[in-house]
Protein backbone atom coordinates (compact mmCIF):
# COMPACT_ATOMS: atom_id res chain seq x y z
CA MET A 1 0.09 0.40 -0.17
CA GLY A 2 2.89 2.43 0.53
CA ILE A 3 3.64 2.23 -2.91
CA PHE A 4 0.31 3.35 -3.93
CA ASN A 5 0.32 6.09 -1.11
CA SER A 6 3.08 7.89 -2.90
CA PHE A 7 1.37 8.33 -6.16
CA SER A 8 -2.27 10.14 -6.78
CA CYS A 9 -3.58 6.23 -7.99
CA ASN A 10 -7.48 4.42 -7.32
CA THR A 11 -5.47 1.73 -6.08
CA PRO A 12 -8.53 -0.66 -6.46
CA LEU A 13 -9.26 0.63 -10.20
CA PHE A 14 -5.48 -0.79 -11.09
CA GLU A 15 -5.56 -3.80 -8.29
CA LYS A 16 -8.72 -4.42 -11.59
CA SER A 17 -7.05 -3.62 -14.57
CA PHE A 18 -3.60 -5.35 -13.50
CA PHE A 19 -5.35 -8.62 -12.81
CA TYR A 20 -7.80 -8.37 -16.43
CA LEU A 21 -4.39 -7.11 -18.02
CA PHE A 22 -2.23 -9.94 -17.03
CA SER A 23 -5.34 -12.78 -17.29
CA SER A 24 -5.11 -11.23 -21.25
CA TYR A 25 -1.96 -11.39 -21.76
CA LEU A 26 -0.85 -14.86 -20.99
CA ILE A 27 -4.14 -15.77 -22.98
CA LEU A 28 -2.52 -14.57 -25.94
CA ARG A 29 1.23 -15.31 -24.93
CA ALA A 30 0.22 -19.18 -24.31
CA GLY A 31 -2.22 -18.79 -27.44
CA GLY A 32 0.61 -18.14 -29.45
CA THR A 33 3.29 -20.45 -28.32
CA LEU A 34 0.71 -23.28 -29.22
CA ILE A 35 -0.07 -22.07 -32.46
CA TRP A 36 3.82 -21.42 -32.86
CA SER A 37 4.30 -25.34 -31.90
CA ILE A 38 1.67 -26.71 -33.92
CA ILE A 39 3.06 -25.18 -36.86
CA MET A 40 6.79 -26.73 -36.13
CA GLN A 41 4.58 -29.57 -36.05
CA LEU A 42 3.64 -29.96 -39.38
CA ASN A 43 6.24 -28.39 -40.81
CA ILE A 44 8.52 -31.78 -39.47
CA PRO A 45 8.09 -34.27 -42.06
CA TYR A 46 9.38 -31.36 -44.68
CA ALA A 47 12.12 -29.51 -42.40
CA PHE A 48 13.60 -33.21 -41.44
CA THR A 49 13.22 -35.89 -43.64
CA HIS A 50 15.62 -38.44 -43.09
CA ILE A 51 16.57 -37.73 -39.45
CA ASP A 52 13.98 -39.59 -36.90
CA THR A 53 15.46 -38.93 -34.07
CA LEU A 54 15.60 -35.35 -34.64
CA LYS A 55 11.99 -35.83 -35.67
CA LYS A 56 11.14 -37.39 -32.55
CA GLY A 57 12.76 -34.86 -30.74
CA VAL A 58 11.19 -32.06 -31.53
CA LEU A 59 7.60 -33.41 -31.87
CA ALA A 60 8.19 -34.32 -27.76
CA TRP A 61 9.39 -31.15 -26.73
CA THR A 62 6.60 -29.52 -28.89
CA ASN A 63 4.02 -31.80 -27.78
CA ILE A 64 4.91 -30.89 -23.79
CA LEU A 65 5.10 -27.32 -24.56
CA ILE A 66 1.63 -27.79 -26.11
CA GLY A 67 0.15 -29.35 -22.86
CA VAL A 68 1.63 -26.63 -20.97
CA CYS A 69 0.09 -24.23 -23.06
CA VAL A 70 -3.02 -25.97 -22.51
CA VAL A 71 -2.75 -25.87 -18.97
CA VAL A 72 -2.49 -22.32 -18.91
CA ILE A 73 -5.50 -21.24 -20.88
CA ILE A 74 -7.64 -23.16 -18.92
CA PHE A 75 -6.40 -22.22 -15.76
CA ASP A 76 -6.46 -18.50 -17.33
CA ILE A 77 -10.22 -19.07 -17.82
CA ILE A 78 -10.60 -20.13 -14.43
CA CYS A 79 -8.92 -17.07 -12.96
CA GLY A 80 -10.15 -14.91 -15.32
CA ILE A 81 -14.04 -16.00 -14.45
CA TYR A 82 -12.93 -15.39 -10.99
CA SER A 83 -11.42 -12.06 -11.26
CA VAL A 84 -14.88 -11.16 -13.30
CA VAL A 85 -17.04 -12.11 -10.26
CA TYR A 86 -14.76 -10.59 -7.85
CA PHE A 87 -13.72 -7.36 -9.33
CA ASP A 88 -17.99 -6.73 -10.83
CA ASN A 89 -19.37 -8.01 -8.16
CA ALA A 90 -20.26 -5.91 -4.85
CA LYS A 91 -22.35 -7.88 -3.33
CA ILE A 92 -19.98 -11.10 -3.09
CA ARG A 93 -16.44 -9.00 -2.81
CA SER A 94 -18.39 -7.93 0.61
CA ARG A 95 -18.77 -11.78 1.78
CA CYS A 96 -15.61 -13.06 0.34
CA THR A 97 -13.48 -13.60 2.93
CA ASN A 98 -11.05 -16.04 1.74
CA VAL A 99 -9.52 -14.41 -0.80
CA THR A 100 -6.18 -14.42 0.07
CA CYS A 101 -6.63 -18.12 0.77
CA MET A 102 -7.82 -18.73 -2.94
CA THR A 103 -4.96 -16.76 -4.25
CA VAL A 104 -2.47 -18.51 -2.21
CA THR A 105 -3.80 -21.77 -4.07
CA PHE A 106 -3.52 -20.47 -7.75
CA ALA A 107 -0.62 -19.15 -7.10
CA ILE A 108 1.25 -22.29 -5.92
CA VAL A 109 -0.43 -24.19 -9.61
CA PHE A 110 0.92 -21.30 -11.52
CA LEU A 111 4.03 -21.77 -9.90
CA CYS A 112 3.90 -25.23 -10.24
CA ILE A 113 2.94 -24.56 -14.15
CA LEU A 114 5.79 -21.85 -14.58
CA ILE A 115 8.46 -24.39 -13.52
CA VAL A 116 7.73 -27.20 -15.95
CA GLN A 117 7.34 -24.56 -18.51
CA THR A 118 10.41 -23.18 -17.64
CA ALA A 119 12.01 -26.67 -17.40
CA VAL A 120 10.85 -27.28 -21.06
CA ALA A 121 12.30 -23.98 -22.39
CA VAL A 122 16.09 -24.57 -20.86
CA ASN A 123 15.53 -28.24 -22.56
CA ILE A 124 14.17 -26.73 -25.55
CA ILE A 125 17.50 -24.04 -25.72
CA THR A 126 20.07 -26.74 -24.79
CA PHE A 127 18.79 -28.73 -27.77
CA ARG A 128 20.12 -27.84 -30.84
CA SER A 129 23.73 -27.54 -29.44
CA THR A 130 23.50 -31.24 -27.58
CA PHE A 131 22.20 -32.09 -31.17
CA ILE A 132 25.38 -30.56 -32.71
CA THR A 133 27.76 -32.58 -30.01
CA ASP A 134 25.78 -35.63 -31.01
CA PHE A 135 26.49 -34.97 -34.21
CA LYS A 136 30.45 -34.37 -33.99
CA ASN A 137 30.17 -37.29 -32.43
CA ALA A 138 28.63 -39.52 -34.74
CA PHE A 139 30.95 -38.41 -37.34
CA TRP A 140 34.23 -39.36 -35.37
CA ASN A 141 32.86 -42.77 -35.41
CA TYR A 142 31.64 -42.69 -39.64
CA GLU A 143 32.07 -46.31 -40.90
CA VAL A 144 32.71 -47.47 -37.67
CA SER A 145 29.69 -48.34 -35.86
CA VAL A 146 27.01 -48.68 -38.27
CA ASP A 147 24.41 -46.10 -36.28
CA SER A 148 26.99 -43.41 -36.16
CA THR A 149 27.24 -43.94 -40.28
CA LYS A 150 23.24 -43.68 -40.99
CA PHE A 151 22.88 -40.70 -38.68
CA VAL A 152 25.88 -38.65 -40.38
CA ASP A 153 24.62 -39.80 -43.81
CA ASP A 154 21.17 -38.89 -43.09
CA VAL A 155 21.90 -35.55 -41.42
CA GLN A 156 24.31 -34.40 -45.15
CA ARG A 157 21.54 -35.89 -47.18
CA SER A 158 18.30 -33.99 -45.32
CA PHE A 159 20.24 -30.64 -44.12
CA TYR A 160 22.30 -30.86 -47.72
CA CYS A 161 26.10 -30.67 -45.51
CA CYS A 162 29.04 -32.19 -45.58
CA GLY A 163 31.14 -32.75 -42.38
CA ILE A 164 31.26 -30.85 -39.59
CA TYR A 165 32.74 -27.59 -41.01
CA SER A 166 33.01 -28.60 -44.34
CA TYR A 167 33.20 -31.49 -46.84
CA ARG A 168 37.65 -31.77 -46.08
CA ASP A 169 36.98 -32.75 -42.78
CA TYR A 170 36.43 -35.66 -44.92
CA LEU A 171 39.81 -35.46 -46.82
CA ASN A 172 41.80 -34.54 -43.57
CA GLU A 173 41.16 -37.95 -41.76
CA PHE A 174 42.35 -39.52 -45.12
CA ARG A 175 38.29 -40.94 -45.90
CA ARG A 176 36.78 -40.75 -48.79
CA ILE A 177 34.11 -38.10 -49.38
CA PRO A 178 30.56 -40.05 -48.40
CA ASP A 179 27.64 -40.58 -51.12
CA SER A 180 25.40 -38.69 -48.98
CA CYS A 181 27.48 -35.14 -49.02
CA CYS A 182 26.22 -35.74 -53.16
CA ASN A 183 23.13 -35.50 -54.62
CA ASP A 184 21.00 -38.48 -55.05
CA HIS A 185 21.41 -38.86 -58.45
CA ASP A 186 25.67 -38.97 -58.69
CA HIS A 187 26.57 -42.26 -57.35
CA LEU A 188 30.23 -41.42 -57.95
CA CYS A 189 30.49 -39.25 -55.93
CA SER A 190 34.11 -37.67 -56.97
CA SER A 191 33.61 -34.86 -55.40
CA ALA A 192 31.42 -33.12 -53.08
CA GLN A 193 28.65 -31.45 -54.05
CA TYR A 194 27.41 -29.93 -50.62
CA ARG A 195 30.40 -27.25 -49.50
CA PHE A 196 28.77 -26.34 -46.77
CA GLY A 197 29.65 -28.13 -42.84
CA CYS A 198 26.40 -29.47 -40.94
CA GLU A 199 27.40 -27.82 -37.68
CA THR A 200 26.28 -24.07 -39.61
CA GLU A 201 23.61 -25.35 -41.45
CA ILE A 202 22.13 -27.48 -38.01
CA PHE A 203 23.09 -24.30 -36.28
CA ILE A 204 20.06 -22.61 -39.01
CA ARG A 205 17.86 -25.13 -39.43
CA LEU A 206 17.13 -25.93 -35.70
CA TYR A 207 16.75 -21.42 -35.16
CA GLY A 208 13.29 -21.90 -34.74
CA ILE A 209 13.02 -24.61 -31.69
CA TYR A 210 16.03 -22.30 -30.89
CA SER A 211 14.35 -18.94 -30.60
CA MET A 212 10.92 -21.26 -29.38
CA GLY A 213 12.94 -22.17 -26.07
CA VAL A 214 14.10 -18.65 -25.94
CA PHE A 215 10.82 -16.88 -26.10
CA THR A 216 9.10 -19.21 -23.25
CA MET A 217 11.72 -18.71 -21.04
CA THR A 218 12.01 -14.78 -21.40
CA PHE A 219 8.00 -15.02 -20.83
CA SER A 220 8.30 -17.17 -17.81
CA ILE A 221 10.19 -14.70 -16.68
CA VAL A 222 8.01 -11.96 -16.65
CA GLU A 223 5.31 -14.70 -15.73
CA PHE A 224 7.22 -14.79 -12.38
CA VAL A 225 7.41 -11.02 -11.90
CA GLY A 226 3.69 -10.91 -12.43
CA LEU A 227 3.14 -13.71 -10.22
CA ILE A 228 4.82 -11.68 -7.50
CA TRP A 229 3.34 -8.98 -8.06
CA ALA A 230 -0.18 -9.95 -8.21
CA LEU A 231 0.62 -11.46 -4.33
CA TYR A 232 1.96 -7.96 -3.73
CA LEU A 233 -1.65 -6.86 -4.77
CA THR A 234 -3.88 -9.21 -3.43
CA ASN A 235 -1.94 -8.70 -0.01
CA SER A 236 -2.98 -5.03 -0.30
CA ILE A 237 -6.61 -6.46 -1.19
CA ARG A 238 -6.64 -8.39 2.28
CA LYS A 239 -5.61 -5.53 4.60
CA ARG A 240 -7.98 -3.08 3.15
CA ASN A 241 -10.53 -5.26 3.45
CA VAL A 242 -9.50 -5.89 7.42
CA ILE A 243 -9.89 -1.83 7.72
CA LYS A 244 -13.19 -2.51 6.11
CA ARG A 245 -14.34 -4.69 8.39
CA GLN A 246 -12.83 -3.12 11.67
CA GLU A 247 -14.39 0.19 10.82
CA MET A 248 -17.77 -1.73 9.92
CA PHE A 249 -17.21 -2.99 13.16
CA PHE A 250 -16.12 -0.07 15.03
CA LYS A 251 -19.79 1.97 13.81
CA GLN A 252 -21.48 -1.06 14.56
CA GLY A 253 -20.30 -1.22 18.20
CA LEU A 254 -21.21 2.87 18.61
CA GLN A 255 -24.43 2.64 16.55
CA TYR A 256 -25.09 -0.43 19.62
CA ARG A 257 -23.64 1.81 22.64
CA ASN A 258 -25.42 4.53 20.94
CA ASN A 259 -28.56 3.03 21.07
CA ALA A 260 -28.53 1.41 24.49
CA GLN A 261 -27.92 4.75 26.25
CA ARG A 262 -30.77 6.18 24.85
CA PHE A 263 -32.87 3.52 26.19
């Protein structure tokens, strides 16, 4: 309350506006992320043609993110209805004595959602660098391990790249340039037709999933700050309601004593 006393501010109107705006923001943010995740899933068959491990990884994390967004939307609808009923109905507001308990319950649930959302964001952000590391490890085991060879060939065919940094990585290791570094129509592959290294191509191709992780992490921080501010406003509402009830009881006591003195 001390913050509001320093400014000429209609405190109840500010609190009402904040909760409405925060609910609207959550709906828009969760809806935007949901649409983004669905578009990314629809693009998976075209973006990662031959790479099954990459398809499964992107599909798994986007599915989890979609689930989190759906939970956030449902949670926000419940909180929005509660806010409308509380702020726009004076009778219910005067009878509502457990506003703090309900708000703390909502805060705990929302905090759990934020923790899951942040964990998903961290894994999505690190997904690109982890995939690059996996490719490098597979490259050094090329033609040594069947799984590594298949993995490297799949990445090179899908991303039209060759080697880690360039096709010269094979020549430096005294290896032949593999067929996956060339067009599918060229089975001789005397020289690499894909000149760019796969590290750069992976970095570019997975920029979308990386951006989604950064986006989710950034807004998780914003939502956490909003949650703390909402709890502060709830505590202000509780204190104001306590003062109003005390004043009401005091006036009732004075009125009762005045009536008693008359008789």
